[in-house]
Amino acid sequence: YEILSGLVGSEMCIRDSAISVSLVSITRHHYSTIFNSVKTHNQINSAFALLRPLVEATYRALWIMLVATENQVKRIGNATRQFSSSPLTLAEKIDRKEGGTIFQSRYKSNSKLLNGMTHGGIELISRQVKDGYIEPNFEELELVGLLSEATANYGMLLFYYGKYVKDNDLLITGGEIVKDIDLIKMLSI
């Protein structure tokens, strides 16, 4: 919950894109739902299904903040109302801008599971029966991985959003999460 407090009630600056702010807010809501679902062992299927939209919203927001031109943002907001690139392509563009490979490598390593665990994905379907009974059957390590991946994405987003709007509290909160990224990578789903 401390992570969520970094964004709640933050004011939009004039230079903010309503699209990036909305994506940060959507990511916050997905993160909160995933966290609460795992914490209460309620709605685990929905928690796994929300990881993909959380990751996609994270990459879209980061692309807008770090890569997109003003005209590209205007086209998304006014005309097309859609992103013309896949999340992997957005991740590649973000990595080029940042001079690394973290976003595309994380997306590639998790994309099969992100697709399989979304809504009616085959991996999610296969996890509905345990010992002949309808009951979700996820291992503890998978739940840790889900929370780690959701936290890593949300932390990176808070860090870059704090940098984007020059908000030290968000920058510090996101930075504290991001500094533990090596541990999170080891636990990745």
N, C-alpha and C. Protein backbone atom coordinates (compact mmCIF):
# COMPACT_ATOMS: atom_id res chain seq x y z
N TYR A 1 0.81 -1.20 0.00
CA TYR A 1 0.00 0.00 0.00
C TYR A 1 0.85 1.26 0.00
N GLU A 2 2.04 1.21 0.60
CA GLU A 2 2.90 2.38 0.60
C GLU A 2 3.24 2.81 -0.82
N ILE A 3 3.37 1.84 -1.71
CA ILE A 3 3.67 2.16 -3.10
C ILE A 3 2.54 2.99 -3.68
N LEU A 4 1.31 2.60 -3.40
CA LEU A 4 0.17 3.28 -3.97
C LEU A 4 0.05 4.70 -3.47
N SER A 5 0.48 4.97 -2.25
CA SER A 5 0.34 6.30 -1.69
C SER A 5 1.16 7.33 -2.46
N GLY A 6 2.15 6.88 -3.21
CA GLY A 6 2.97 7.80 -3.99
C GLY A 6 2.21 8.51 -5.08
N LEU A 7 1.12 7.96 -5.52
CA LEU A 7 0.39 8.54 -6.64
C LEU A 7 -0.96 9.11 -6.25
N VAL A 8 -1.61 8.55 -5.27
CA VAL A 8 -2.95 8.97 -4.91
C VAL A 8 -2.96 10.45 -4.59
N GLY A 9 -3.86 11.16 -5.27
CA GLY A 9 -4.03 12.58 -5.01
C GLY A 9 -3.00 13.48 -5.66
N SER A 10 -2.05 12.91 -6.43
CA SER A 10 -1.06 13.78 -7.06
C SER A 10 -1.75 14.62 -8.13
N GLU A 11 -1.28 15.83 -8.24
CA GLU A 11 -1.91 16.79 -9.13
C GLU A 11 -1.25 16.75 -10.50
N MET A 12 -2.06 16.88 -11.55
CA MET A 12 -1.53 16.89 -12.90
C MET A 12 -0.87 18.24 -13.18
N CYS A 13 0.34 18.21 -13.67
CA CYS A 13 1.02 19.44 -14.08
C CYS A 13 0.56 19.82 -15.48
N ILE A 14 0.76 21.05 -15.85
CA ILE A 14 0.36 21.52 -17.18
C ILE A 14 1.07 20.72 -18.27
N ARG A 15 2.33 20.35 -18.03
CA ARG A 15 3.08 19.65 -19.08
C ARG A 15 2.78 18.15 -19.14
N ASP A 16 1.95 17.66 -18.22
CA ASP A 16 1.57 16.25 -18.25
C ASP A 16 0.65 15.97 -19.43
N SER A 17 0.80 14.80 -19.97
CA SER A 17 -0.15 14.32 -20.96
C SER A 17 -1.26 13.61 -20.20
N ALA A 18 -2.50 13.96 -20.51
CA ALA A 18 -3.64 13.29 -19.86
C ALA A 18 -3.57 11.79 -20.11
N ILE A 19 -3.02 11.39 -21.24
CA ILE A 19 -2.93 9.97 -21.57
C ILE A 19 -1.94 9.28 -20.63
N SER A 20 -0.76 9.88 -20.42
CA SER A 20 0.22 9.23 -19.55
C SER A 20 -0.28 9.20 -18.11
N VAL A 21 -0.91 10.27 -17.65
CA VAL A 21 -1.45 10.30 -16.30
C VAL A 21 -2.53 9.23 -16.14
N SER A 22 -3.39 9.09 -17.14
CA SER A 22 -4.43 8.07 -17.10
C SER A 22 -3.84 6.68 -17.06
N LEU A 23 -2.79 6.44 -17.84
CA LEU A 23 -2.14 5.13 -17.84
C LEU A 23 -1.47 4.83 -16.51
N VAL A 24 -0.88 5.83 -15.89
CA VAL A 24 -0.30 5.64 -14.56
C VAL A 24 -1.40 5.28 -13.57
N SER A 25 -2.52 5.96 -13.66
CA SER A 25 -3.65 5.67 -12.77
C SER A 25 -4.20 4.27 -12.99
N ILE A 26 -4.33 3.87 -14.25
CA ILE A 26 -4.81 2.52 -14.57
C ILE A 26 -3.85 1.48 -14.01
N THR A 27 -2.56 1.72 -14.17
CA THR A 27 -1.56 0.80 -13.65
C THR A 27 -1.66 0.70 -12.13
N ARG A 28 -1.87 1.82 -11.47
CA ARG A 28 -2.04 1.82 -10.01
C ARG A 28 -3.23 0.97 -9.60
N HIS A 29 -4.34 1.10 -10.33
CA HIS A 29 -5.53 0.31 -10.00
C HIS A 29 -5.30 -1.18 -10.24
N HIS A 30 -4.67 -1.52 -11.36
CA HIS A 30 -4.36 -2.93 -11.63
C HIS A 30 -3.43 -3.49 -10.56
N TYR A 31 -2.41 -2.72 -10.20
CA TYR A 31 -1.46 -3.18 -9.18
C TYR A 31 -2.20 -3.42 -7.86
N SER A 32 -3.03 -2.49 -7.46
CA SER A 32 -3.77 -2.61 -6.21
C SER A 32 -4.66 -3.85 -6.22
N THR A 33 -5.33 -4.10 -7.34
CA THR A 33 -6.21 -5.26 -7.46
C THR A 33 -5.43 -6.57 -7.41
N ILE A 34 -4.30 -6.61 -8.11
CA ILE A 34 -3.45 -7.80 -8.09
C ILE A 34 -2.98 -8.07 -6.66
N PHE A 35 -2.45 -7.04 -6.02
CA PHE A 35 -1.93 -7.17 -4.66
C PHE A 35 -3.02 -7.66 -3.70
N ASN A 36 -4.17 -7.03 -3.72
CA ASN A 36 -5.26 -7.41 -2.81
C ASN A 36 -5.80 -8.81 -3.11
N SER A 37 -5.86 -9.17 -4.38
CA SER A 37 -6.35 -10.50 -4.74
C SER A 37 -5.43 -11.60 -4.24
N VAL A 38 -4.14 -11.39 -4.35
CA VAL A 38 -3.19 -12.39 -3.86
C VAL A 38 -3.17 -12.40 -2.33
N LYS A 39 -3.22 -11.23 -1.74
CA LYS A 39 -3.19 -11.12 -0.27
C LYS A 39 -4.35 -11.87 0.37
N THR A 40 -5.53 -11.77 -0.23
CA THR A 40 -6.72 -12.41 0.35
C THR A 40 -6.98 -13.79 -0.24
N HIS A 41 -6.14 -14.24 -1.18
CA HIS A 41 -6.33 -15.50 -1.90
C HIS A 41 -7.71 -15.55 -2.55
N ASN A 42 -8.16 -14.41 -2.98
CA ASN A 42 -9.46 -14.28 -3.62
C ASN A 42 -9.22 -13.76 -5.04
N GLN A 43 -9.88 -14.33 -6.00
CA GLN A 43 -9.78 -13.84 -7.37
C GLN A 43 -8.36 -13.95 -7.95
N ILE A 44 -7.66 -15.05 -7.65
CA ILE A 44 -6.30 -15.24 -8.15
C ILE A 44 -6.28 -15.25 -9.68
N ASN A 45 -7.29 -15.85 -10.29
CA ASN A 45 -7.35 -15.87 -11.76
C ASN A 45 -7.35 -14.46 -12.31
N SER A 46 -8.16 -13.59 -11.71
CA SER A 46 -8.23 -12.20 -12.17
C SER A 46 -6.91 -11.48 -11.94
N ALA A 47 -6.25 -11.79 -10.84
CA ALA A 47 -4.95 -11.17 -10.57
C ALA A 47 -3.95 -11.50 -11.68
N PHE A 48 -3.88 -12.77 -12.08
CA PHE A 48 -2.98 -13.15 -13.18
C PHE A 48 -3.41 -12.51 -14.49
N ALA A 49 -4.71 -12.44 -14.73
CA ALA A 49 -5.21 -11.85 -15.98
C ALA A 49 -4.90 -10.36 -16.05
N LEU A 50 -4.80 -9.67 -14.92
CA LEU A 50 -4.53 -8.23 -14.91
C LEU A 50 -3.06 -7.89 -15.10
N LEU A 51 -2.18 -8.89 -14.99
CA LEU A 51 -0.76 -8.58 -15.16
C LEU A 51 -0.46 -8.06 -16.56
N ARG A 52 -1.03 -8.67 -17.57
CA ARG A 52 -0.76 -8.21 -18.94
C ARG A 52 -1.21 -6.77 -19.17
N PRO A 53 -2.46 -6.40 -18.81
CA PRO A 53 -2.82 -4.99 -19.01
C PRO A 53 -1.98 -4.03 -18.16
N LEU A 54 -1.52 -4.48 -16.99
CA LEU A 54 -0.64 -3.64 -16.17
C LEU A 54 0.67 -3.40 -16.92
N VAL A 55 1.26 -4.45 -17.46
CA VAL A 55 2.52 -4.32 -18.20
C VAL A 55 2.32 -3.45 -19.43
N GLU A 56 1.25 -3.68 -20.17
CA GLU A 56 1.00 -2.88 -21.38
C GLU A 56 0.78 -1.41 -21.05
N ALA A 57 0.03 -1.12 -20.00
CA ALA A 57 -0.19 0.28 -19.60
C ALA A 57 1.13 0.92 -19.16
N THR A 58 1.97 0.14 -18.46
CA THR A 58 3.28 0.65 -18.04
C THR A 58 4.11 1.05 -19.25
N TYR A 59 4.22 0.17 -20.23
CA TYR A 59 5.04 0.46 -21.41
C TYR A 59 4.47 1.60 -22.23
N ARG A 60 3.16 1.69 -22.32
CA ARG A 60 2.56 2.79 -23.06
C ARG A 60 2.84 4.12 -22.37
N ALA A 61 2.69 4.17 -21.06
CA ALA A 61 2.97 5.40 -20.32
C ALA A 61 4.44 5.79 -20.45
N LEU A 62 5.34 4.81 -20.30
CA LEU A 62 6.77 5.10 -20.41
C LEU A 62 7.12 5.58 -21.81
N TRP A 63 6.53 4.99 -22.82
CA TRP A 63 6.79 5.41 -24.19
C TRP A 63 6.36 6.86 -24.38
N ILE A 64 5.19 7.22 -23.87
CA ILE A 64 4.72 8.60 -24.00
C ILE A 64 5.67 9.56 -23.28
N MET A 65 6.08 9.20 -22.07
CA MET A 65 6.94 10.09 -21.28
C MET A 65 8.36 10.20 -21.83
N LEU A 66 8.89 9.10 -22.37
CA LEU A 66 10.31 9.06 -22.72
C LEU A 66 10.60 9.16 -24.22
N VAL A 67 9.68 8.73 -25.06
CA VAL A 67 10.00 8.57 -26.47
C VAL A 67 9.10 9.40 -27.39
N ALA A 68 7.82 9.39 -27.17
CA ALA A 68 6.85 9.95 -28.11
C ALA A 68 7.05 11.44 -28.33
N THR A 69 6.80 11.83 -29.56
CA THR A 69 6.79 13.25 -29.87
C THR A 69 5.42 13.82 -29.50
N GLU A 70 5.34 15.12 -29.44
CA GLU A 70 4.07 15.77 -29.12
C GLU A 70 3.01 15.41 -30.16
N ASN A 71 3.40 15.33 -31.43
CA ASN A 71 2.44 14.96 -32.48
C ASN A 71 1.94 13.53 -32.32
N GLN A 72 2.80 12.61 -31.93
CA GLN A 72 2.38 11.22 -31.72
C GLN A 72 1.36 11.14 -30.58
N VAL A 73 1.61 11.87 -29.52
CA VAL A 73 0.68 11.87 -28.39
C VAL A 73 -0.65 12.48 -28.80
N LYS A 74 -0.61 13.56 -29.56
CA LYS A 74 -1.86 14.19 -30.04
C LYS A 74 -2.67 13.24 -30.91
N ARG A 75 -1.98 12.49 -31.77
CA ARG A 75 -2.70 11.54 -32.64
C ARG A 75 -3.40 10.46 -31.82
N ILE A 76 -2.73 9.99 -30.79
CA ILE A 76 -3.35 8.96 -29.94
C ILE A 76 -4.55 9.55 -29.22
N GLY A 77 -4.41 10.75 -28.72
CA GLY A 77 -5.48 11.38 -27.96
C GLY A 77 -6.64 11.88 -28.79
N ASN A 78 -6.37 12.26 -30.03
CA ASN A 78 -7.42 12.88 -30.84
C ASN A 78 -7.96 12.00 -31.95
N ALA A 79 -7.08 11.51 -32.78
CA ALA A 79 -7.53 10.86 -34.01
C ALA A 79 -7.69 9.35 -33.89
N THR A 80 -6.60 8.67 -33.67
CA THR A 80 -6.63 7.21 -33.77
C THR A 80 -7.16 6.53 -32.52
N ARG A 81 -6.97 7.15 -31.38
CA ARG A 81 -7.38 6.57 -30.09
C ARG A 81 -6.80 5.17 -29.88
N GLN A 82 -5.63 4.93 -30.44
CA GLN A 82 -4.96 3.64 -30.24
C GLN A 82 -3.47 3.80 -30.39
N PHE A 83 -2.75 2.86 -29.82
CA PHE A 83 -1.31 2.82 -29.97
C PHE A 83 -1.01 1.97 -31.19
N SER A 84 -0.16 2.49 -32.07
CA SER A 84 0.11 1.78 -33.32
C SER A 84 1.18 0.70 -33.16
N SER A 85 1.83 0.64 -32.01
CA SER A 85 2.90 -0.33 -31.80
C SER A 85 2.52 -1.32 -30.71
N SER A 86 3.06 -2.52 -30.83
CA SER A 86 2.86 -3.55 -29.81
C SER A 86 3.66 -3.18 -28.57
N PRO A 87 3.33 -3.77 -27.43
CA PRO A 87 4.12 -3.49 -26.22
C PRO A 87 5.60 -3.83 -26.38
N LEU A 88 5.91 -4.89 -27.12
CA LEU A 88 7.31 -5.24 -27.34
C LEU A 88 8.02 -4.14 -28.14
N THR A 89 7.37 -3.63 -29.17
CA THR A 89 7.96 -2.55 -29.96
C THR A 89 8.15 -1.30 -29.11
N LEU A 90 7.16 -1.00 -28.27
CA LEU A 90 7.30 0.15 -27.36
C LEU A 90 8.48 -0.07 -26.42
N ALA A 91 8.61 -1.31 -25.90
CA ALA A 91 9.72 -1.63 -25.00
C ALA A 91 11.06 -1.44 -25.71
N GLU A 92 11.15 -1.86 -26.96
CA GLU A 92 12.39 -1.70 -27.72
C GLU A 92 12.72 -0.22 -27.91
N LYS A 93 11.70 0.60 -28.18
CA LYS A 93 11.92 2.04 -28.35
C LYS A 93 12.34 2.70 -27.03
N ILE A 94 11.74 2.28 -25.94
CA ILE A 94 12.12 2.80 -24.62
C ILE A 94 13.57 2.43 -24.32
N ASP A 95 13.94 1.17 -24.58
CA ASP A 95 15.31 0.73 -24.34
C ASP A 95 16.32 1.51 -25.19
N ARG A 96 15.98 1.78 -26.45
CA ARG A 96 16.87 2.57 -27.29
C ARG A 96 17.08 3.96 -26.68
N LYS A 97 16.02 4.55 -26.21
CA LYS A 97 16.10 5.89 -25.60
C LYS A 97 16.91 5.85 -24.31
N GLU A 98 16.75 4.80 -23.51
CA GLU A 98 17.42 4.70 -22.22
C GLU A 98 18.79 4.02 -22.31
N GLY A 99 19.11 3.46 -23.47
CA GLY A 99 20.42 2.83 -23.64
C GLY A 99 20.59 1.50 -22.93
N GLY A 100 19.55 0.68 -22.95
CA GLY A 100 19.63 -0.63 -22.31
C GLY A 100 18.73 -1.63 -22.98
N THR A 101 18.48 -2.74 -22.30
CA THR A 101 17.59 -3.77 -22.85
C THR A 101 16.60 -4.31 -21.82
N ILE A 102 16.49 -3.66 -20.67
CA ILE A 102 15.69 -4.20 -19.57
C ILE A 102 14.22 -4.36 -19.93
N PHE A 103 13.63 -3.39 -20.61
CA PHE A 103 12.20 -3.46 -20.89
C PHE A 103 11.87 -4.55 -21.89
N GLN A 104 12.63 -4.62 -22.99
CA GLN A 104 12.33 -5.66 -23.98
C GLN A 104 12.67 -7.05 -23.46
N SER A 105 13.74 -7.18 -22.68
CA SER A 105 14.08 -8.51 -22.18
C SER A 105 13.05 -8.99 -21.16
N ARG A 106 12.55 -8.09 -20.31
CA ARG A 106 11.49 -8.48 -19.36
C ARG A 106 10.24 -8.87 -20.11
N TYR A 107 9.88 -8.10 -21.12
CA TYR A 107 8.66 -8.41 -21.86
C TYR A 107 8.80 -9.75 -22.58
N LYS A 108 9.92 -9.96 -23.24
CA LYS A 108 10.13 -11.22 -23.96
C LYS A 108 10.10 -12.41 -23.02
N SER A 109 10.74 -12.28 -21.86
CA SER A 109 10.79 -13.42 -20.94
C SER A 109 9.43 -13.75 -20.34
N ASN A 110 8.52 -12.80 -20.33
CA ASN A 110 7.21 -13.03 -19.73
C ASN A 110 6.05 -13.07 -20.72
N SER A 111 6.29 -12.80 -22.00
CA SER A 111 5.18 -12.64 -22.95
C SER A 111 4.33 -13.90 -23.12
N LYS A 112 4.95 -15.07 -23.13
CA LYS A 112 4.16 -16.30 -23.29
C LYS A 112 3.20 -16.47 -22.11
N LEU A 113 3.70 -16.26 -20.92
CA LEU A 113 2.85 -16.36 -19.74
C LEU A 113 1.82 -15.24 -19.70
N LEU A 114 2.21 -14.03 -20.06
CA LEU A 114 1.26 -12.92 -20.08
C LEU A 114 0.08 -13.25 -21.00
N ASN A 115 0.36 -13.83 -22.14
CA ASN A 115 -0.71 -14.22 -23.06
C ASN A 115 -1.50 -15.40 -22.53
N GLY A 116 -0.83 -16.39 -21.96
CA GLY A 116 -1.49 -17.60 -21.48
C GLY A 116 -2.35 -17.39 -20.25
N MET A 117 -2.01 -16.38 -19.45
CA MET A 117 -2.76 -16.13 -18.21
C MET A 117 -3.84 -15.07 -18.38
N THR A 118 -3.97 -14.52 -19.57
CA THR A 118 -4.97 -13.47 -19.78
C THR A 118 -6.32 -14.10 -20.12
N HIS A 119 -7.31 -13.75 -19.35
CA HIS A 119 -8.71 -14.15 -19.56
C HIS A 119 -8.82 -15.64 -19.86
N GLY A 120 -9.11 -16.01 -21.10
CA GLY A 120 -9.31 -17.40 -21.46
C GLY A 120 -8.07 -18.07 -22.00
N GLY A 121 -6.89 -17.56 -21.63
CA GLY A 121 -5.64 -18.15 -22.10
C GLY A 121 -5.49 -19.58 -21.62
N ILE A 122 -4.80 -20.39 -22.40
CA ILE A 122 -4.69 -21.82 -22.13
C ILE A 122 -4.02 -22.10 -20.79
N GLU A 123 -3.04 -21.30 -20.41
CA GLU A 123 -2.37 -21.52 -19.12
C GLU A 123 -3.35 -21.28 -17.97
N LEU A 124 -4.15 -20.25 -18.06
CA LEU A 124 -5.13 -19.96 -17.01
C LEU A 124 -6.21 -21.04 -16.96
N ILE A 125 -6.63 -21.50 -18.13
CA ILE A 125 -7.63 -22.57 -18.19
C ILE A 125 -7.10 -23.84 -17.52
N SER A 126 -5.83 -24.14 -17.77
CA SER A 126 -5.25 -25.38 -17.23
C SER A 126 -5.09 -25.34 -15.71
N ARG A 127 -5.23 -24.18 -15.10
CA ARG A 127 -5.04 -24.04 -13.66
C ARG A 127 -6.36 -24.03 -12.88
N GLN A 128 -7.43 -24.53 -13.48
CA GLN A 128 -8.74 -24.46 -12.82
C GLN A 128 -9.18 -25.75 -12.15
N VAL A 129 -8.44 -26.82 -12.33
CA VAL A 129 -8.84 -28.10 -11.74
C VAL A 129 -7.70 -28.63 -10.89
N LYS A 130 -8.03 -29.03 -9.65
CA LYS A 130 -7.04 -29.58 -8.74
C LYS A 130 -7.64 -30.83 -8.09
N ASP A 131 -6.99 -31.95 -8.30
CA ASP A 131 -7.44 -33.22 -7.73
C ASP A 131 -8.90 -33.51 -8.06
N GLY A 132 -9.29 -33.22 -9.30
CA GLY A 132 -10.64 -33.52 -9.76
C GLY A 132 -11.70 -32.50 -9.35
N TYR A 133 -11.30 -31.43 -8.69
CA TYR A 133 -12.25 -30.41 -8.26
C TYR A 133 -11.92 -29.08 -8.94
N ILE A 134 -12.95 -28.30 -9.19
CA ILE A 134 -12.73 -26.96 -9.74
C ILE A 134 -12.17 -26.09 -8.62
N GLU A 135 -10.89 -25.79 -8.74
CA GLU A 135 -10.20 -24.98 -7.74
C GLU A 135 -8.90 -24.50 -8.35
N PRO A 136 -8.68 -23.19 -8.37
CA PRO A 136 -7.42 -22.69 -8.91
C PRO A 136 -6.23 -23.33 -8.21
N ASN A 137 -5.22 -23.71 -8.98
CA ASN A 137 -4.06 -24.40 -8.40
C ASN A 137 -2.75 -23.73 -8.79
N PHE A 138 -2.44 -22.66 -8.11
CA PHE A 138 -1.19 -21.93 -8.33
C PHE A 138 -0.23 -22.23 -7.19
N GLU A 139 1.04 -22.35 -7.53
CA GLU A 139 2.08 -22.57 -6.53
C GLU A 139 2.41 -21.24 -5.85
N GLU A 140 2.90 -21.32 -4.63
CA GLU A 140 3.28 -20.12 -3.87
C GLU A 140 4.31 -19.28 -4.63
N LEU A 141 5.29 -19.95 -5.24
CA LEU A 141 6.33 -19.24 -5.98
C LEU A 141 5.74 -18.48 -7.17
N GLU A 142 4.69 -19.03 -7.78
CA GLU A 142 4.04 -18.33 -8.89
C GLU A 142 3.35 -17.05 -8.41
N LEU A 143 2.77 -17.10 -7.22
CA LEU A 143 2.14 -15.91 -6.65
C LEU A 143 3.19 -14.86 -6.30
N VAL A 144 4.33 -15.32 -5.77
CA VAL A 144 5.44 -14.40 -5.49
C VAL A 144 5.92 -13.77 -6.80
N GLY A 145 6.03 -14.58 -7.84
CA GLY A 145 6.45 -14.07 -9.14
C GLY A 145 5.48 -13.05 -9.71
N LEU A 146 4.19 -13.33 -9.57
CA LEU A 146 3.16 -12.39 -10.03
C LEU A 146 3.31 -11.05 -9.31
N LEU A 147 3.41 -11.10 -7.99
CA LEU A 147 3.56 -9.86 -7.22
C LEU A 147 4.88 -9.15 -7.54
N SER A 148 5.94 -9.91 -7.74
CA SER A 148 7.23 -9.32 -8.06
C SER A 148 7.20 -8.61 -9.41
N GLU A 149 6.61 -9.25 -10.39
CA GLU A 149 6.55 -8.65 -11.73
C GLU A 149 5.65 -7.42 -11.73
N ALA A 150 4.51 -7.50 -11.07
CA ALA A 150 3.61 -6.34 -10.99
C ALA A 150 4.31 -5.20 -10.25
N THR A 151 5.00 -5.51 -9.16
CA THR A 151 5.69 -4.49 -8.38
C THR A 151 6.84 -3.87 -9.17
N ALA A 152 7.58 -4.69 -9.89
CA ALA A 152 8.70 -4.18 -10.70
C ALA A 152 8.19 -3.19 -11.75
N ASN A 153 7.14 -3.56 -12.45
CA ASN A 153 6.60 -2.66 -13.47
C ASN A 153 6.06 -1.38 -12.86
N TYR A 154 5.32 -1.51 -11.78
CA TYR A 154 4.76 -0.32 -11.14
C TYR A 154 5.86 0.57 -10.56
N GLY A 155 6.88 -0.04 -9.98
CA GLY A 155 8.01 0.73 -9.44
C GLY A 155 8.75 1.49 -10.52
N MET A 156 9.00 0.82 -11.66
CA MET A 156 9.67 1.50 -12.77
C MET A 156 8.83 2.66 -13.28
N LEU A 157 7.52 2.45 -13.34
CA LEU A 157 6.64 3.51 -13.80
C LEU A 157 6.64 4.69 -12.83
N LEU A 158 6.56 4.42 -11.54
CA LEU A 158 6.60 5.51 -10.55
C LEU A 158 7.92 6.28 -10.65
N PHE A 159 9.01 5.55 -10.80
CA PHE A 159 10.32 6.19 -10.91
C PHE A 159 10.36 7.16 -12.10
N TYR A 160 10.00 6.64 -13.28
CA TYR A 160 10.06 7.48 -14.48
C TYR A 160 9.00 8.58 -14.47
N TYR A 161 7.84 8.31 -13.91
CA TYR A 161 6.82 9.35 -13.82
C TYR A 161 7.28 10.44 -12.86
N GLY A 162 7.89 10.06 -11.73
CA GLY A 162 8.43 11.06 -10.81
C GLY A 162 9.49 11.92 -11.47
N LYS A 163 10.32 11.28 -12.29
CA LYS A 163 11.34 12.00 -13.05
C LYS A 163 10.69 12.94 -14.06
N TYR A 164 9.65 12.46 -14.72
CA TYR A 164 8.95 13.20 -15.77
C TYR A 164 8.28 14.46 -15.23
N VAL A 165 7.65 14.35 -14.05
CA VAL A 165 6.92 15.50 -13.49
C VAL A 165 7.71 16.21 -12.40
N LYS A 166 8.97 15.76 -12.22
CA LYS A 166 9.85 16.36 -11.21
C LYS A 166 9.23 16.30 -9.81
N ASP A 167 8.77 15.10 -9.45
CA ASP A 167 8.19 14.86 -8.13
C ASP A 167 9.14 13.95 -7.37
N ASN A 168 9.88 14.51 -6.42
CA ASN A 168 10.90 13.75 -5.70
C ASN A 168 10.33 12.59 -4.90
N ASP A 169 9.13 12.74 -4.35
CA ASP A 169 8.54 11.65 -3.57
C ASP A 169 8.28 10.43 -4.46
N LEU A 170 7.72 10.66 -5.64
CA LEU A 170 7.48 9.54 -6.57
C LEU A 170 8.81 8.97 -7.05
N LEU A 171 9.76 9.83 -7.34
CA LEU A 171 11.08 9.40 -7.81
C LEU A 171 11.74 8.52 -6.75
N ILE A 172 11.69 8.92 -5.51
CA ILE A 172 12.29 8.14 -4.43
C ILE A 172 11.55 6.82 -4.23
N THR A 173 10.22 6.87 -4.19
CA THR A 173 9.43 5.65 -4.01
C THR A 173 9.72 4.66 -5.13
N GLY A 174 9.65 5.13 -6.38
CA GLY A 174 9.94 4.26 -7.52
C GLY A 174 11.37 3.76 -7.49
N GLY A 175 12.30 4.63 -7.12
CA GLY A 175 13.71 4.26 -7.06
C GLY A 175 13.98 3.18 -6.03
N GLU A 176 13.31 3.26 -4.89
CA GLU A 176 13.48 2.23 -3.86
C GLU A 176 13.01 0.87 -4.35
N ILE A 177 11.96 0.88 -5.13
CA ILE A 177 11.45 -0.38 -5.69
C ILE A 177 12.39 -0.88 -6.78
N VAL A 178 12.81 0.02 -7.65
CA VAL A 178 13.66 -0.35 -8.79
C VAL A 178 15.03 -0.86 -8.33
N LYS A 179 15.55 -0.35 -7.22
CA LYS A 179 16.88 -0.79 -6.78
C LYS A 179 16.90 -2.27 -6.43
N ASP A 180 15.75 -2.84 -6.14
CA ASP A 180 15.65 -4.26 -5.83
C ASP A 180 15.33 -5.11 -7.06
N ILE A 181 15.51 -4.55 -8.24
CA ILE A 181 15.10 -5.22 -9.47
C ILE A 181 15.85 -6.54 -9.69
N ASP A 182 17.10 -6.66 -9.26
CA ASP A 182 17.82 -7.93 -9.44
C ASP A 182 17.15 -9.05 -8.67
N LEU A 183 16.70 -8.76 -7.47
CA LEU A 183 15.97 -9.76 -6.70
C LEU A 183 14.66 -10.11 -7.40
N ILE A 184 13.98 -9.09 -7.90
CA ILE A 184 12.71 -9.31 -8.57
C ILE A 184 12.93 -10.15 -9.84
N LYS A 185 14.02 -9.90 -10.56
CA LYS A 185 14.31 -10.69 -11.76
C LYS A 185 14.49 -12.16 -11.42
N MET A 186 15.12 -12.44 -10.29
CA MET A 186 15.33 -13.83 -9.90
C MET A 186 14.01 -14.53 -9.62
N LEU A 187 13.02 -13.78 -9.15
CA LEU A 187 11.73 -14.35 -8.81
C LEU A 187 10.72 -14.26 -9.94
N SER A 188 11.14 -13.74 -11.09
CA SER A 188 10.22 -13.51 -12.21
C SER A 188 9.48 -14.76 -12.61
N ILE A 189 8.21 -14.56 -13.00
CA ILE A 189 7.39 -15.70 -13.43
C ILE A 189 7.73 -16.10 -14.84
